[in-house]
Amino acid sequence: MNILDNYESQHLKELQTGKSYPKFNPGDTIKVHLKIKEGEKERIQVFEGICIAKKNAGINSSFTIRKISYGEGIERVLPLYSPQINKIEIVKSGDVRRSKLYYLRGRSGKSDRIAEKNIYEDIEKVNNNINQTDSTVAKKSNDQIKKKSENIQGKVSTKELSDKQNINESEGKSEEKKV
C-alpha cells in the first residue's frame, strides 16, 4: 500500500469515530443537520432535499443535495466526512435508475417529483424465499396440525352426540309426563 493511501485510511478512521450515517443513494430525500457558527454561538440547521449525486472516493467522498426554496433551486455539495455534519436522516427512498440526477435541474413542479420505492415488494420477495426454504418444515408442521385438528373434531363430535342424546332423553321424559 502507498504511503498516501495509508495516511488517508488512518485519517478516515479518525473521522468516522463516533459517527454513523445511514446508507443513502441518489434519489433519496434526506435531512442533513449542519453545525452553523455565528460569532461565538453554534446552532444546528437542517437542510432537507433530494440527493442528486454521490461520489465515493474514500476521504474525498461527497454528495450533492438539491432543494427548491422560494421558487429557486439550491444545491449544496457536502463532504461526507465533514465535521460540519451533525447527523443525516432519510425521509424517503426514491426509485431511480441513474446515479446522477442532474436532469432535475431543468425541471420544476410535478415533473420534478421522484417516485418512492415500494418496500412492500422487497418484503414479499423475502417472505417468498423464506417460505420456499422452509417448505419441508411447513409440510411437517401442517401434517401435525391436521392430526391434532382431526383428534379435536373427533372429541367434539362424540361430545355433541352425547349432548344430543341427553337432550332427547330429557325431552322424552317430559313428553311422558304430559300424557
C-alpha atoms as a PDB file:
ATOM      1  CA  MET A   1       0.000   0.000   0.000  1.00  0.00           C
ATOM      2  CA  ASN A   2       1.070   3.513  -0.796  1.00  0.00           C
ATOM      3  CA  ILE A   3       2.111   5.999   1.920  1.00  0.00           C
ATOM      4  CA  LEU A   4      -0.674   8.338   0.833  1.00  0.00           C
ATOM      5  CA  ASP A   5      -3.246   5.509   0.969  1.00  0.00           C
ATOM      6  CA  ASN A   6      -2.056   4.621   4.484  1.00  0.00           C
ATOM      7  CA  TYR A   7      -2.432   8.214   5.639  1.00  0.00           C
ATOM      8  CA  GLU A   8      -5.910   8.521   4.092  1.00  0.00           C
ATOM      9  CA  SER A   9      -7.153   5.269   5.636  1.00  0.00           C
ATOM     10  CA  GLN A  10      -5.898   6.303   9.119  1.00  0.00           C
ATOM     11  CA  HIS A  11      -7.417   9.772   8.785  1.00  0.00           C
ATOM     12  CA  LEU A  12     -10.694   8.272   7.553  1.00  0.00           C
ATOM     13  CA  LYS A  13     -10.875   6.043  10.654  1.00  0.00           C
ATOM     14  CA  GLU A  14     -10.388   9.128  12.852  1.00  0.00           C
ATOM     15  CA  LEU A  15     -13.186  10.996  11.064  1.00  0.00           C
ATOM     16  CA  GLN A  16     -15.606   8.044  11.297  1.00  0.00           C
ATOM     17  CA  THR A  17     -15.226   7.525  15.058  1.00  0.00           C
ATOM     18  CA  GLY A  18     -18.424   8.418  16.884  1.00  0.00           C
ATOM     19  CA  LYS A  19     -20.411   8.944  13.672  1.00  0.00           C
ATOM     20  CA  SER A  20     -22.627   6.524  11.817  1.00  0.00           C
ATOM     21  CA  TYR A  21     -24.611   7.707   8.830  1.00  0.00           C
ATOM     22  CA  PRO A  22     -27.434   5.728   7.221  1.00  0.00           C
ATOM     23  CA  LYS A  23     -26.848   4.301   3.774  1.00  0.00           C
ATOM     24  CA  PHE A  24     -28.497   6.580   1.229  1.00  0.00           C
ATOM     25  CA  ASN A  25     -28.453   6.748  -2.553  1.00  0.00           C
ATOM     26  CA  PRO A  26     -29.226   9.334  -5.222  1.00  0.00           C
ATOM     27  CA  GLY A  27     -32.978   9.911  -5.393  1.00  0.00           C
ATOM     28  CA  ASP A  28     -33.449   9.706  -1.633  1.00  0.00           C
ATOM     29  CA  THR A  29     -34.894  12.677   0.221  1.00  0.00           C
ATOM     30  CA  ILE A  30     -32.635  13.344   3.187  1.00  0.00           C
ATOM     31  CA  LYS A  31     -32.270  15.778   6.058  1.00  0.00           C
ATOM     32  CA  VAL A  32     -28.752  16.900   6.874  1.00  0.00           C
ATOM     33  CA  HIS A  33     -28.267  18.506  10.282  1.00  0.00           C
ATOM     34  CA  LEU A  34     -25.426  21.015   9.891  1.00  0.00           C
ATOM     35  CA  LYS A  35     -23.498  22.849  12.586  1.00  0.00           C
ATOM     36  CA  ILE A  36     -23.564  26.592  11.915  1.00  0.00           C
ATOM     37  CA  LYS A  37     -21.276  29.013  13.766  1.00  0.00           C
ATOM     38  CA  GLU A  38     -22.387  32.604  14.110  1.00  0.00           C
ATOM     39  CA  GLY A  39     -19.804  34.501  16.093  1.00  0.00           C
ATOM     40  CA  GLU A  40     -19.431  32.655  19.373  1.00  0.00           C
ATOM     41  CA  LYS A  41     -22.766  30.851  19.112  1.00  0.00           C
ATOM     42  CA  GLU A  42     -23.216  27.468  17.469  1.00  0.00           C
ATOM     43  CA  ARG A  43     -26.543  26.093  16.303  1.00  0.00           C
ATOM     44  CA  ILE A  44     -27.841  23.240  14.146  1.00  0.00           C
ATOM     45  CA  GLN A  45     -29.637  23.971  10.893  1.00  0.00           C
ATOM     46  CA  VAL A  46     -31.473  21.334   8.867  1.00  0.00           C
ATOM     47  CA  PHE A  47     -31.014  21.219   5.092  1.00  0.00           C
ATOM     48  CA  GLU A  48     -33.631  18.933   3.515  1.00  0.00           C
ATOM     49  CA  GLY A  49     -33.584  17.979  -0.137  1.00  0.00           C
ATOM     50  CA  ILE A  50     -33.094  15.289  -2.747  1.00  0.00           C
ATOM     51  CA  CYS A  51     -29.686  13.695  -3.110  1.00  0.00           C
ATOM     52  CA  ILE A  52     -28.898  14.132  -6.814  1.00  0.00           C
ATOM     53  CA  ALA A  53     -25.319  12.831  -6.809  1.00  0.00           C
ATOM     54  CA  LYS A  54     -22.967  10.838  -4.634  1.00  0.00           C
ATOM     55  CA  LYS A  55     -19.217  10.495  -5.051  1.00  0.00           C
ATOM     56  CA  ASN A  56     -17.489   7.632  -3.260  1.00  0.00           C
ATOM     57  CA  ALA A  57     -13.782   8.434  -3.165  1.00  0.00           C
ATOM     58  CA  GLY A  58     -12.535   7.481   0.282  1.00  0.00           C
ATOM     59  CA  ILE A  59     -11.765  10.551   2.322  1.00  0.00           C
ATOM     60  CA  ASN A  60     -12.909  12.792  -0.552  1.00  0.00           C
ATOM     61  CA  SER A  61     -16.419  11.289  -0.642  1.00  0.00           C
ATOM     62  CA  SER A  62     -19.177  13.845  -1.107  1.00  0.00           C
ATOM     63  CA  PHE A  63     -22.841  14.152  -2.002  1.00  0.00           C
ATOM     64  CA  THR A  64     -24.985  16.823  -3.617  1.00  0.00           C
ATOM     65  CA  ILE A  65     -28.367  17.839  -2.239  1.00  0.00           C
ATOM     66  CA  ARG A  66     -30.904  19.896  -4.169  1.00  0.00           C
ATOM     67  CA  LYS A  67     -33.953  21.668  -2.809  1.00  0.00           C
ATOM     68  CA  ILE A  68     -36.332  24.326  -4.067  1.00  0.00           C
ATOM     69  CA  SER A  69     -36.571  27.363  -1.813  1.00  0.00           C
ATOM     70  CA  TYR A  70     -38.932  30.216  -2.717  1.00  0.00           C
ATOM     71  CA  GLY A  71     -39.000  29.081  -6.348  1.00  0.00           C
ATOM     72  CA  GLU A  72     -35.201  28.943  -6.690  1.00  0.00           C
ATOM     73  CA  GLY A  73     -33.234  25.723  -6.915  1.00  0.00           C
ATOM     74  CA  ILE A  74     -30.467  25.468  -4.323  1.00  0.00           C
ATOM     75  CA  GLU A  75     -27.754  22.835  -4.473  1.00  0.00           C
ATOM     76  CA  ARG A  76     -25.207  22.108  -1.859  1.00  0.00           C
ATOM     77  CA  VAL A  77     -22.201  19.818  -2.172  1.00  0.00           C
ATOM     78  CA  LEU A  78     -21.216  18.413   1.201  1.00  0.00           C
ATOM     79  CA  PRO A  79     -18.213  16.270   2.091  1.00  0.00           C
ATOM     80  CA  LEU A  80     -19.468  13.026   3.637  1.00  0.00           C
ATOM     81  CA  TYR A  81     -16.902  13.027   6.451  1.00  0.00           C
ATOM     82  CA  SER A  82     -17.175  16.719   7.272  1.00  0.00           C
ATOM     83  CA  PRO A  83     -17.097  17.724  10.954  1.00  0.00           C
ATOM     84  CA  GLN A  84     -19.785  20.269   9.988  1.00  0.00           C
ATOM     85  CA  ILE A  85     -22.381  17.448   9.611  1.00  0.00           C
ATOM     86  CA  ASN A  86     -24.070  16.511  12.879  1.00  0.00           C
ATOM     87  CA  LYS A  87     -26.355  13.760  11.547  1.00  0.00           C
ATOM     88  CA  ILE A  88     -28.166  12.583   8.422  1.00  0.00           C
ATOM     89  CA  GLU A  89     -31.761  11.295   8.305  1.00  0.00           C
ATOM     90  CA  ILE A  90     -33.512   9.586   5.415  1.00  0.00           C
ATOM     91  CA  VAL A  91     -37.025  10.964   4.879  1.00  0.00           C
ATOM     92  CA  LYS A  92     -37.977   8.720   1.945  1.00  0.00           C
ATOM     93  CA  SER A  93     -36.253   6.478  -0.561  1.00  0.00           C
ATOM     94  CA  GLY A  94     -36.563   7.349  -4.223  1.00  0.00           C
ATOM     95  CA  ASP A  95     -36.911   4.831  -7.023  1.00  0.00           C
ATOM     96  CA  VAL A  96     -34.452   5.971  -9.721  1.00  0.00           C
ATOM     97  CA  ARG A  97     -32.359   4.244 -12.376  1.00  0.00           C
ATOM     98  CA  ARG A  98     -29.471   6.684 -12.567  1.00  0.00           C
ATOM     99  CA  SER A  99     -26.629   7.559 -10.252  1.00  0.00           C
ATOM    100  CA  LYS A 100     -26.526  11.253 -11.212  1.00  0.00           C
ATOM    101  CA  LEU A 101     -29.847  13.100 -11.311  1.00  0.00           C
ATOM    102  CA  TYR A 102     -28.673  16.321 -12.923  1.00  0.00           C
ATOM    103  CA  TYR A 103     -31.712  16.315 -15.208  1.00  0.00           C
ATOM    104  CA  LEU A 104     -33.767  17.556 -12.236  1.00  0.00           C
ATOM    105  CA  ARG A 105     -32.112  20.956 -12.619  1.00  0.00           C
ATOM    106  CA  GLY A 106     -34.184  21.755 -15.690  1.00  0.00           C
ATOM    107  CA  ARG A 107     -37.468  20.573 -14.220  1.00  0.00           C
ATOM    108  CA  SER A 108     -39.967  22.121 -11.870  1.00  0.00           C
ATOM    109  CA  GLY A 109     -43.368  21.289 -10.448  1.00  0.00           C
ATOM    110  CA  LYS A 110     -44.828  17.829 -10.920  1.00  0.00           C
ATOM    111  CA  SER A 111     -42.154  16.725 -13.402  1.00  0.00           C
ATOM    112  CA  ASP A 112     -39.565  17.304 -10.670  1.00  0.00           C
ATOM    113  CA  ARG A 113     -41.026  14.526  -8.495  1.00  0.00           C
ATOM    114  CA  ILE A 114     -39.340  11.187  -7.909  1.00  0.00           C
ATOM    115  CA  ALA A 115     -41.401   8.066  -7.241  1.00  0.00           C
ATOM    116  CA  GLU A 116     -40.974   6.461  -3.845  1.00  0.00           C
ATOM    117  CA  LYS A 117     -39.514   2.959  -3.592  1.00  0.00           C
ATOM    118  CA  ASN A 118     -42.064   0.253  -2.946  1.00  0.00           C
ATOM    119  CA  ILE A 119     -40.611  -1.544   0.045  1.00  0.00           C
ATOM    120  CA  TYR A 120     -43.540  -3.945   0.242  1.00  0.00           C
ATOM    121  CA  GLU A 121     -42.384  -5.764  -2.913  1.00  0.00           C
ATOM    122  CA  ASP A 122     -38.994  -6.336  -1.285  1.00  0.00           C
ATOM    123  CA  ILE A 123     -40.654  -7.699   1.846  1.00  0.00           C
ATOM    124  CA  GLU A 124     -42.829 -10.054  -0.237  1.00  0.00           C
ATOM    125  CA  LYS A 125     -39.743 -11.378  -2.055  1.00  0.00           C
ATOM    126  CA  VAL A 126     -38.022 -12.097   1.254  1.00  0.00           C
ATOM    127  CA  ASN A 127     -41.136 -13.815   2.614  1.00  0.00           C
ATOM    128  CA  ASN A 128     -41.417 -15.963  -0.528  1.00  0.00           C
ATOM    129  CA  ASN A 129     -37.781 -17.022  -0.178  1.00  0.00           C
ATOM    130  CA  ILE A 130     -38.344 -17.933   3.459  1.00  0.00           C
ATOM    131  CA  ASN A 131     -41.475 -19.906   2.572  1.00  0.00           C
ATOM    132  CA  GLN A 132     -39.636 -21.838  -0.144  1.00  0.00           C
ATOM    133  CA  THR A 133     -36.709 -22.774   2.106  1.00  0.00           C
ATOM    134  CA  ASP A 134     -38.963 -23.723   4.998  1.00  0.00           C
ATOM    135  CA  SER A 135     -41.452 -25.689   2.873  1.00  0.00           C
ATOM    136  CA  THR A 136     -40.295 -29.039   4.240  1.00  0.00           C
ATOM    137  CA  VAL A 137     -40.619 -27.824   7.807  1.00  0.00           C
ATOM    138  CA  ALA A 138     -44.002 -26.330   6.968  1.00  0.00           C
ATOM    139  CA  LYS A 139     -45.234 -29.619   5.481  1.00  0.00           C
ATOM    140  CA  LYS A 140     -44.312 -31.485   8.650  1.00  0.00           C
ATOM    141  CA  SER A 141     -45.987 -28.918  10.867  1.00  0.00           C
ATOM    142  CA  ASN A 142     -49.100 -28.888   8.639  1.00  0.00           C
ATOM    143  CA  ASP A 143     -49.393 -32.670   8.977  1.00  0.00           C
ATOM    144  CA  GLN A 144     -49.137 -32.376  12.748  1.00  0.00           C
ATOM    145  CA  ILE A 145     -51.775 -29.648  12.802  1.00  0.00           C
ATOM    146  CA  LYS A 146     -54.141 -31.750  10.677  1.00  0.00           C
ATOM    147  CA  LYS A 147     -53.757 -34.727  13.019  1.00  0.00           C
ATOM    148  CA  LYS A 148     -54.468 -32.582  16.063  1.00  0.00           C
ATOM    149  CA  SER A 149     -57.490 -30.985  14.414  1.00  0.00           C
ATOM    150  CA  GLU A 150     -58.858 -34.421  13.467  1.00  0.00           C
ATOM    151  CA  ASN A 151     -58.440 -35.581  17.068  1.00  0.00           C
ATOM    152  CA  ILE A 152     -60.173 -32.471  18.359  1.00  0.00           C
ATOM    153  CA  GLN A 153     -63.005 -32.817  15.831  1.00  0.00           C
ATOM    154  CA  GLY A 154     -63.452 -36.446  16.847  1.00  0.00           C
ATOM    155  CA  LYS A 155     -63.738 -35.457  20.511  1.00  0.00           C
ATOM    156  CA  VAL A 156     -66.144 -32.641  19.702  1.00  0.00           C
ATOM    157  CA  SER A 157     -68.356 -34.860  17.574  1.00  0.00           C
ATOM    158  CA  THR A 158     -68.628 -37.527  20.314  1.00  0.00           C
ATOM    159  CA  LYS A 159     -69.411 -34.848  22.869  1.00  0.00           C
ATOM    160  CA  GLU A 160     -72.086 -33.358  20.582  1.00  0.00           C
ATOM    161  CA  LEU A 161     -73.656 -36.799  20.151  1.00  0.00           C
ATOM    162  CA  SER A 162     -73.792 -37.414  23.881  1.00  0.00           C
ATOM    163  CA  ASP A 163     -75.290 -33.939  24.447  1.00  0.00           C
ATOM    164  CA  LYS A 164     -77.959 -34.605  21.797  1.00  0.00           C
ATOM    165  CA  GLN A 165     -78.804 -37.948  23.403  1.00  0.00           C
ATOM    166  CA  ASN A 166     -79.164 -36.295  26.798  1.00  0.00           C
ATOM    167  CA  ILE A 167     -81.438 -33.645  25.303  1.00  0.00           C
ATOM    168  CA  ASN A 168     -83.551 -36.268  23.501  1.00  0.00           C
ATOM    169  CA  GLU A 169     -83.878 -38.335  26.671  1.00  0.00           C
ATOM    170  CA  SER A 170     -84.952 -35.336  28.729  1.00  0.00           C
ATOM    171  CA  GLU A 171     -87.492 -34.364  26.039  1.00  0.00           C
ATOM    172  CA  GLY A 172     -88.838 -37.921  26.009  1.00  0.00           C
ATOM    173  CA  LYS A 173     -89.310 -37.895  29.783  1.00  0.00           C
ATOM    174  CA  SER A 174     -91.123 -34.583  29.661  1.00  0.00           C
ATOM    175  CA  GLU A 175     -93.453 -35.917  26.925  1.00  0.00           C
ATOM    176  CA  GLU A 176     -94.227 -39.000  29.027  1.00  0.00           C
ATOM    177  CA  LYS A 177     -95.226 -36.813  31.959  1.00  0.00           C
ATOM    178  CA  LYS A 178     -97.594 -34.804  29.782  1.00  0.00           C
ATOM    179  CA  VAL A 179     -99.518 -37.890  28.686  1.00  0.00           C
END
